[in-house]
C-alpha cells in the first residue's frame, strides 16, 4: 500500500492484521452501542460491562444504524460515547454520522468485524460525484456507476462522509478529445 501510513484511513480500518480489542474503557456518562451485522454477542457483552450506566443499543443494517444513530445523537447530551462494532466500511459510515454530530475521535470506539483487506464501502467519484457501494480494497480499480470511468480506490477517507476517494486510474495517460474539451 503506497503511503498508507500517511493516509486519512483510520488505523482500525487499514489493511493488515485485525487489532485485538477488548471492551473499551468507560469514560462517558452515557453510551450508544451501535452494531451492524451479526454482532449481538459483542453488543451484549458491552452492555453488561457498562451496567449500571445508561446505554442505548442500536442494531441493524448500515443504513438503518446510521439513521438511528443520527436520531439518538440529536437528542444526546454532553458525555455521550459511541461504541461501534461493524465491518470497516459500515464503521466508516457510522463514524461520519458521529463526527457530523460533533463528536471527537476520543469519544468514539471501534471493533471491526471481518476482513479490513476487502470491505463493503462507499467510493466517491471525484469526476461525476456519484457514490458507489462496492466490496473494495485500497488500490482496487472499480467502474464508476455514473461516468463509467475506471476508478482507483485511493487511501483517503472523508471524515464527513465516510467515503473513500475514487479517481480515474489512468488520468495521466488519457488524452482529451476536442469534444470533451468543449464540454
C-alpha atoms as a PDB file:
ATOM      1  CA  UNK A   1       0.000   0.000   0.000  1.00  0.00           C
ATOM      2  CA  UNK A   2       1.506   3.254  -1.061  1.00  0.00           C
ATOM      3  CA  UNK A   3       1.583   5.947   1.615  1.00  0.00           C
ATOM      4  CA  UNK A   4      -0.966   4.176   3.846  1.00  0.00           C
ATOM      5  CA  UNK A   5       0.912   5.325   6.948  1.00  0.00           C
ATOM      6  CA  UNK A   6       0.214   8.943   5.956  1.00  0.00           C
ATOM      7  CA  UNK A   7      -3.389   8.496   4.869  1.00  0.00           C
ATOM      8  CA  UNK A   8      -6.685   9.598   6.374  1.00  0.00           C
ATOM      9  CA  UNK A   9      -7.828   5.979   6.693  1.00  0.00           C
ATOM     10  CA  UNK A  10      -8.188   5.305  10.441  1.00  0.00           C
ATOM     11  CA  UNK A  11      -5.801   2.714  11.855  1.00  0.00           C
ATOM     12  CA  UNK A  12      -8.687   0.358  12.682  1.00  0.00           C
ATOM     13  CA  UNK A  13      -9.819   0.384   9.005  1.00  0.00           C
ATOM     14  CA  UNK A  14      -6.399  -0.105   7.402  1.00  0.00           C
ATOM     15  CA  UNK A  15      -5.358  -3.352   5.721  1.00  0.00           C
ATOM     16  CA  UNK A  16      -3.315  -5.687   7.865  1.00  0.00           C
ATOM     17  CA  UNK A  17      -3.849  -7.728  10.959  1.00  0.00           C
ATOM     18  CA  UNK A  18      -7.028  -7.182  12.921  1.00  0.00           C
ATOM     19  CA  UNK A  19      -6.280  -5.385  16.158  1.00  0.00           C
ATOM     20  CA  UNK A  20      -7.155  -7.396  19.249  1.00  0.00           C
ATOM     21  CA  UNK A  21      -9.648  -5.397  21.223  1.00  0.00           C
ATOM     22  CA  UNK A  22     -11.466  -5.820  24.452  1.00  0.00           C
ATOM     23  CA  UNK A  23     -14.212  -3.742  25.950  1.00  0.00           C
ATOM     24  CA  UNK A  24     -13.163  -0.092  25.717  1.00  0.00           C
ATOM     25  CA  UNK A  25     -12.585   1.828  28.914  1.00  0.00           C
ATOM     26  CA  UNK A  26     -15.765   3.606  30.003  1.00  0.00           C
ATOM     27  CA  UNK A  27     -15.142   7.363  30.017  1.00  0.00           C
ATOM     28  CA  UNK A  28     -18.619   8.803  29.458  1.00  0.00           C
ATOM     29  CA  UNK A  29     -21.864   9.384  31.218  1.00  0.00           C
ATOM     30  CA  UNK A  30     -23.990   7.514  28.672  1.00  0.00           C
ATOM     31  CA  UNK A  31     -23.358   5.196  25.749  1.00  0.00           C
ATOM     32  CA  UNK A  32     -24.745   4.482  22.295  1.00  0.00           C
ATOM     33  CA  UNK A  33     -23.800   0.924  21.381  1.00  0.00           C
ATOM     34  CA  UNK A  34     -24.080   0.517  17.611  1.00  0.00           C
ATOM     35  CA  UNK A  35     -23.818  -2.750  15.705  1.00  0.00           C
ATOM     36  CA  UNK A  36     -24.061  -3.777  12.071  1.00  0.00           C
ATOM     37  CA  UNK A  37     -24.341  -7.439  11.132  1.00  0.00           C
ATOM     38  CA  UNK A  38     -24.078 -10.496  13.321  1.00  0.00           C
ATOM     39  CA  UNK A  39     -22.688  -8.696  16.369  1.00  0.00           C
ATOM     40  CA  UNK A  40     -25.344  -9.233  19.050  1.00  0.00           C
ATOM     41  CA  UNK A  41     -22.852 -11.033  21.330  1.00  0.00           C
ATOM     42  CA  UNK A  42     -20.408  -8.125  21.302  1.00  0.00           C
ATOM     43  CA  UNK A  43     -23.203  -5.623  21.984  1.00  0.00           C
ATOM     44  CA  UNK A  44     -24.500  -7.761  24.867  1.00  0.00           C
ATOM     45  CA  UNK A  45     -21.009  -8.055  26.357  1.00  0.00           C
ATOM     46  CA  UNK A  46     -20.518  -4.283  26.163  1.00  0.00           C
ATOM     47  CA  UNK A  47     -23.952  -3.670  27.660  1.00  0.00           C
ATOM     48  CA  UNK A  48     -23.171  -5.972  30.585  1.00  0.00           C
ATOM     49  CA  UNK A  49     -19.777  -4.322  31.154  1.00  0.00           C
ATOM     50  CA  UNK A  50     -21.366  -0.856  31.261  1.00  0.00           C
ATOM     51  CA  UNK A  51     -24.135  -1.593  33.749  1.00  0.00           C
ATOM     52  CA  UNK A  52     -25.455   0.466  35.534  1.00  0.00           C
ATOM     53  CA  UNK A  53     -24.513   3.311  33.131  1.00  0.00           C
ATOM     54  CA  UNK A  54     -27.200   4.454  30.695  1.00  0.00           C
ATOM     55  CA  UNK A  55     -26.883   2.670  27.371  1.00  0.00           C
ATOM     56  CA  UNK A  56     -28.869   2.683  24.158  1.00  0.00           C
ATOM     57  CA  UNK A  57     -28.487  -0.234  21.791  1.00  0.00           C
ATOM     58  CA  UNK A  58     -28.722   0.321  18.021  1.00  0.00           C
ATOM     59  CA  UNK A  59     -28.503  -2.725  15.788  1.00  0.00           C
ATOM     60  CA  UNK A  60     -29.360  -3.275  12.115  1.00  0.00           C
ATOM     61  CA  UNK A  61     -28.018  -2.850   8.610  1.00  0.00           C
ATOM     62  CA  UNK A  62     -25.669   0.075   7.892  1.00  0.00           C
ATOM     63  CA  UNK A  63     -28.386   2.416   6.588  1.00  0.00           C
ATOM     64  CA  UNK A  64     -30.764   1.770   9.482  1.00  0.00           C
ATOM     65  CA  UNK A  65     -27.993   2.028  12.074  1.00  0.00           C
ATOM     66  CA  UNK A  66     -26.788   5.329  10.576  1.00  0.00           C
ATOM     67  CA  UNK A  67     -30.299   6.813  10.690  1.00  0.00           C
ATOM     68  CA  UNK A  68     -30.927   5.627  14.251  1.00  0.00           C
ATOM     69  CA  UNK A  69     -27.511   6.867  15.392  1.00  0.00           C
ATOM     70  CA  UNK A  70     -28.146  10.315  13.894  1.00  0.00           C
ATOM     71  CA  UNK A  71     -31.513  10.496  15.686  1.00  0.00           C
ATOM     72  CA  UNK A  72     -30.002   9.371  19.004  1.00  0.00           C
ATOM     73  CA  UNK A  73     -27.122  11.860  18.745  1.00  0.00           C
ATOM     74  CA  UNK A  74     -29.565  14.691  18.018  1.00  0.00           C
ATOM     75  CA  UNK A  75     -31.062  14.023  21.467  1.00  0.00           C
ATOM     76  CA  UNK A  76     -27.768  13.253  23.256  1.00  0.00           C
ATOM     77  CA  UNK A  77     -26.229  15.335  25.996  1.00  0.00           C
ATOM     78  CA  UNK A  78     -22.649  16.093  26.908  1.00  0.00           C
ATOM     79  CA  UNK A  79     -20.730  12.984  27.957  1.00  0.00           C
ATOM     80  CA  UNK A  80     -22.214  10.564  25.433  1.00  0.00           C
ATOM     81  CA  UNK A  81     -19.850   7.992  23.954  1.00  0.00           C
ATOM     82  CA  UNK A  82     -20.415   5.914  20.829  1.00  0.00           C
ATOM     83  CA  UNK A  83     -19.087   2.361  20.623  1.00  0.00           C
ATOM     84  CA  UNK A  84     -19.354   0.792  17.165  1.00  0.00           C
ATOM     85  CA  UNK A  85     -18.965  -2.861  16.170  1.00  0.00           C
ATOM     86  CA  UNK A  86     -19.251  -3.387  12.402  1.00  0.00           C
ATOM     87  CA  UNK A  87     -17.336  -4.192   9.246  1.00  0.00           C
ATOM     88  CA  UNK A  88     -14.828  -1.455   8.335  1.00  0.00           C
ATOM     89  CA  UNK A  89     -16.974   0.102   5.576  1.00  0.00           C
ATOM     90  CA  UNK A  90     -20.046   0.391   7.806  1.00  0.00           C
ATOM     91  CA  UNK A  91     -17.909   1.649  10.695  1.00  0.00           C
ATOM     92  CA  UNK A  92     -16.547   4.438   8.465  1.00  0.00           C
ATOM     93  CA  UNK A  93     -20.099   5.478   7.579  1.00  0.00           C
ATOM     94  CA  UNK A  94     -21.187   5.419  11.242  1.00  0.00           C
ATOM     95  CA  UNK A  95     -18.087   7.366  12.272  1.00  0.00           C
ATOM     96  CA  UNK A  96     -19.079  10.072   9.777  1.00  0.00           C
ATOM     97  CA  UNK A  97     -22.521  10.308  11.402  1.00  0.00           C
ATOM     98  CA  UNK A  98     -20.928  10.729  14.822  1.00  0.00           C
ATOM     99  CA  UNK A  99     -18.351  13.269  13.611  1.00  0.00           C
ATOM    100  CA  UNK A 100     -21.059  15.298  11.865  1.00  0.00           C
ATOM    101  CA  UNK A 101     -22.996  15.334  15.150  1.00  0.00           C
ATOM    102  CA  UNK A 102     -19.980  16.936  16.840  1.00  0.00           C
ATOM    103  CA  UNK A 103     -18.231  14.001  18.493  1.00  0.00           C
ATOM    104  CA  UNK A 104     -14.455  13.876  18.651  1.00  0.00           C
ATOM    105  CA  UNK A 105     -12.374  10.795  17.825  1.00  0.00           C
ATOM    106  CA  UNK A 106     -11.733  10.060  21.506  1.00  0.00           C
ATOM    107  CA  UNK A 107     -15.497   9.820  22.099  1.00  0.00           C
ATOM    108  CA  UNK A 108     -15.915   7.007  19.550  1.00  0.00           C
ATOM    109  CA  UNK A 109     -14.605   3.427  19.886  1.00  0.00           C
ATOM    110  CA  UNK A 110     -14.496   0.735  17.193  1.00  0.00           C
ATOM    111  CA  UNK A 111     -14.411  -3.018  16.929  1.00  0.00           C
ATOM    112  CA  UNK A 112     -14.219  -4.091  13.296  1.00  0.00           C
ATOM    113  CA  UNK A 113     -15.553  -7.417  12.144  1.00  0.00           C
ATOM    114  CA  UNK A 114     -14.477  -9.426   9.143  1.00  0.00           C
ATOM    115  CA  UNK A 115     -11.560  -8.553   6.919  1.00  0.00           C
ATOM    116  CA  UNK A 116     -10.347  -4.990   6.547  1.00  0.00           C
ATOM    117  CA  UNK A 117      -8.462  -6.099   3.436  1.00  0.00           C
ATOM    118  CA  UNK A 118     -11.678  -6.033   1.413  1.00  0.00           C
ATOM    119  CA  UNK A 119     -14.864  -4.487   2.774  1.00  0.00           C
ATOM    120  CA  UNK A 120     -18.217  -3.222   1.587  1.00  0.00           C
ATOM    121  CA  UNK A 121     -17.599   0.534   1.447  1.00  0.00           C
ATOM    122  CA  UNK A 122     -18.716   3.711  -0.289  1.00  0.00           C
ATOM    123  CA  UNK A 123     -16.457   5.128  -3.016  1.00  0.00           C
ATOM    124  CA  UNK A 124     -16.909   8.745  -4.129  1.00  0.00           C
ATOM    125  CA  UNK A 125     -16.136   9.527  -7.785  1.00  0.00           C
ATOM    126  CA  UNK A 126     -14.218  12.796  -7.943  1.00  0.00           C
ATOM    127  CA  UNK A 127     -15.287  13.250 -11.579  1.00  0.00           C
ATOM    128  CA  UNK A 128     -19.099  12.957 -11.511  1.00  0.00           C
ATOM    129  CA  UNK A 129     -19.719  12.924  -7.709  1.00  0.00           C
ATOM    130  CA  UNK A 130     -21.502   9.555  -7.837  1.00  0.00           C
ATOM    131  CA  UNK A 131     -21.164   7.323  -4.769  1.00  0.00           C
ATOM    132  CA  UNK A 132     -20.923   3.596  -5.368  1.00  0.00           C
ATOM    133  CA  UNK A 133     -21.123   0.961  -2.634  1.00  0.00           C
ATOM    134  CA  UNK A 134     -18.845  -1.940  -3.522  1.00  0.00           C
ATOM    135  CA  UNK A 135     -16.695  -4.640  -1.957  1.00  0.00           C
ATOM    136  CA  UNK A 136     -13.292  -2.997  -2.300  1.00  0.00           C
ATOM    137  CA  UNK A 137      -9.766  -2.746  -1.019  1.00  0.00           C
ATOM    138  CA  UNK A 138      -7.449   0.227  -1.184  1.00  0.00           C
ATOM    139  CA  UNK A 139      -5.774   0.382  -4.623  1.00  0.00           C
ATOM    140  CA  UNK A 140      -8.597  -1.609  -6.282  1.00  0.00           C
ATOM    141  CA  UNK A 141      -9.964  -0.350  -9.575  1.00  0.00           C
ATOM    142  CA  UNK A 142     -13.747  -0.286  -9.925  1.00  0.00           C
ATOM    143  CA  UNK A 143     -16.077   1.096 -12.604  1.00  0.00           C
ATOM    144  CA  UNK A 144     -17.985   4.257 -11.671  1.00  0.00           C
ATOM    145  CA  UNK A 145     -21.752   3.795 -11.749  1.00  0.00           C
ATOM    146  CA  UNK A 146     -22.157   7.358 -13.038  1.00  0.00           C
ATOM    147  CA  UNK A 147     -19.483   8.284 -15.565  1.00  0.00           C
ATOM    148  CA  UNK A 148     -18.198   4.741 -16.245  1.00  0.00           C
ATOM    149  CA  UNK A 149     -14.582   5.739 -15.639  1.00  0.00           C
ATOM    150  CA  UNK A 150     -12.315   3.146 -14.028  1.00  0.00           C
ATOM    151  CA  UNK A 151     -11.724   4.498 -10.526  1.00  0.00           C
ATOM    152  CA  UNK A 152      -8.734   3.849  -8.316  1.00  0.00           C
ATOM    153  CA  UNK A 153      -9.877   3.412  -4.701  1.00  0.00           C
ATOM    154  CA  UNK A 154      -7.451   5.813  -3.058  1.00  0.00           C
ATOM    155  CA  UNK A 155      -6.135   5.690   0.505  1.00  0.00           C
ATOM    156  CA  UNK A 156      -8.188   8.709   1.551  1.00  0.00           C
ATOM    157  CA  UNK A 157     -11.436   8.578   3.542  1.00  0.00           C
ATOM    158  CA  UNK A 158     -13.610  11.611   4.158  1.00  0.00           C
ATOM    159  CA  UNK A 159     -14.325  12.141   7.855  1.00  0.00           C
ATOM    160  CA  UNK A 160     -17.524  13.975   6.873  1.00  0.00           C
ATOM    161  CA  UNK A 161     -18.991  11.249   4.639  1.00  0.00           C
ATOM    162  CA  UNK A 162     -17.073   8.051   5.461  1.00  0.00           C
ATOM    163  CA  UNK A 163     -16.411   7.515   1.745  1.00  0.00           C
ATOM    164  CA  UNK A 164     -13.183   6.500   0.021  1.00  0.00           C
ATOM    165  CA  UNK A 165     -11.947   8.823  -2.720  1.00  0.00           C
ATOM    166  CA  UNK A 166     -12.044   7.361  -6.222  1.00  0.00           C
ATOM    167  CA  UNK A 167     -10.441   8.937  -9.267  1.00  0.00           C
ATOM    168  CA  UNK A 168      -9.732   7.874 -12.836  1.00  0.00           C
ATOM    169  CA  UNK A 169      -6.942   5.338 -12.667  1.00  0.00           C
ATOM    170  CA  UNK A 170      -5.306   6.278 -15.957  1.00  0.00           C
ATOM    171  CA  UNK A 171      -5.981  10.032 -15.919  1.00  0.00           C
ATOM    172  CA  UNK A 172      -2.348  10.860 -16.697  1.00  0.00           C
ATOM    173  CA  UNK A 173      -2.295   8.707 -19.835  1.00  0.00           C
ATOM    174  CA  UNK A 174      -5.657   9.692 -21.304  1.00  0.00           C
ATOM    175  CA  UNK A 175      -5.821  12.480 -23.816  1.00  0.00           C
ATOM    176  CA  UNK A 176      -8.915  14.604 -24.041  1.00  0.00           C
ATOM    177  CA  UNK A 177     -10.646  14.709 -27.377  1.00  0.00           C
ATOM    178  CA  UNK A 178     -11.802  18.013 -28.878  1.00  0.00           C
ATOM    179  CA  UNK A 179     -15.372  17.029 -27.997  1.00  0.00           C
ATOM    180  CA  UNK A 180     -14.516  16.569 -24.312  1.00  0.00           C
ATOM    181  CA  UNK A 181     -12.617  19.861 -24.143  1.00  0.00           C
ATOM    182  CA  UNK A 182     -15.637  21.804 -25.447  1.00  0.00           C
ATOM    183  CA  UNK A 183     -17.865  20.373 -22.701  1.00  0.00           C
END
